[in-house]
Amino acid sequence: MFQGPSASMGRPENTGNYSMFQADDITVFVEKRILDEYLEDGKITFHLDQFGKFDLIICGS
């Protein structure tokens, strides 16, 4: 079983608690608390229900 943050699709109602990343035509919002807890070597792996696991690699971190 995957042990890490989960994700949902859609823009959060309150974007103030999120960091926004742009990847081509996809915008990804990650809660700042999740970045603090799970970001390791500029990479975070998360699970998106019905789509699987994805790695978000943050350049310059």
Protein backbone atom coordinates (compact mmCIF):
# COMPACT_ATOMS: atom_id res chain seq x y z
CA MET A 1 0.00 0.00 0.00
CA PHE A 2 1.23 3.49 -0.87
CA GLN A 3 2.34 5.47 2.17
CA GLY A 4 2.36 9.15 1.29
CA PRO A 5 0.23 12.12 0.41
CA SER A 6 -2.91 11.69 -1.67
CA ALA A 7 -4.22 14.19 -4.16
CA SER A 8 -7.48 15.29 -5.68
CA MET A 9 -8.22 17.08 -8.90
CA GLY A 10 -9.32 20.69 -9.00
CA ARG A 11 -8.19 24.07 -7.75
CA PRO A 12 -8.31 24.42 -3.96
CA GLU A 13 -10.80 26.96 -2.60
CA ASN A 14 -8.11 28.67 -0.50
CA THR A 15 -4.89 28.74 -2.52
CA GLY A 16 -3.02 30.63 0.23
CA ASN A 17 -1.92 27.39 1.90
CA TYR A 18 -0.64 25.92 -1.37
CA SER A 19 2.38 26.22 -3.63
CA MET A 20 1.52 26.25 -7.33
CA PHE A 21 3.62 24.52 -9.98
CA GLN A 22 3.17 24.64 -13.74
CA ALA A 23 4.10 21.63 -15.90
CA ASP A 24 3.27 22.26 -19.57
CA ASP A 25 -0.52 22.72 -19.57
CA ILE A 26 -1.04 21.22 -16.09
CA THR A 27 -1.20 23.29 -12.91
CA VAL A 28 -0.40 21.44 -9.69
CA PHE A 29 -1.25 22.80 -6.23
CA VAL A 30 0.58 21.19 -3.30
CA GLU A 31 -0.25 22.08 0.28
CA LYS A 32 2.78 23.75 1.88
CA ARG A 33 2.58 21.41 4.89
CA ILE A 34 2.85 18.41 2.56
CA LEU A 35 5.93 19.89 0.90
CA ASP A 36 7.51 20.41 4.33
CA GLU A 37 6.82 16.81 5.34
CA TYR A 38 7.41 14.85 2.13
CA LEU A 39 9.67 16.82 -0.24
CA GLU A 40 12.99 15.02 -0.43
CA ASP A 41 15.82 15.95 -2.83
CA GLY A 42 13.42 18.11 -4.86
CA LYS A 43 10.98 15.25 -5.45
CA ILE A 44 7.64 14.25 -3.99
CA THR A 45 5.61 11.17 -4.88
CA PHE A 46 1.84 11.31 -4.52
CA HIS A 47 -1.16 9.13 -5.37
CA LEU A 48 -4.03 10.48 -7.45
CA ASP A 49 -7.14 8.31 -7.07
CA GLN A 50 -8.00 6.38 -10.24
CA PHE A 51 -4.79 7.57 -11.97
CA GLY A 52 -1.93 6.07 -9.93
CA LYS A 53 1.32 7.33 -8.44
CA PHE A 54 3.17 10.34 -9.80
CA ASP A 55 6.48 12.01 -9.05
CA LEU A 56 6.62 15.78 -8.93
CA ILE A 57 10.20 16.96 -9.42
CA ILE A 58 10.74 20.57 -8.41
CA CYS A 59 13.66 22.18 -10.23
CA GLY A 60 15.79 24.56 -8.25
CA SER A 61 14.83 23.22 -4.82
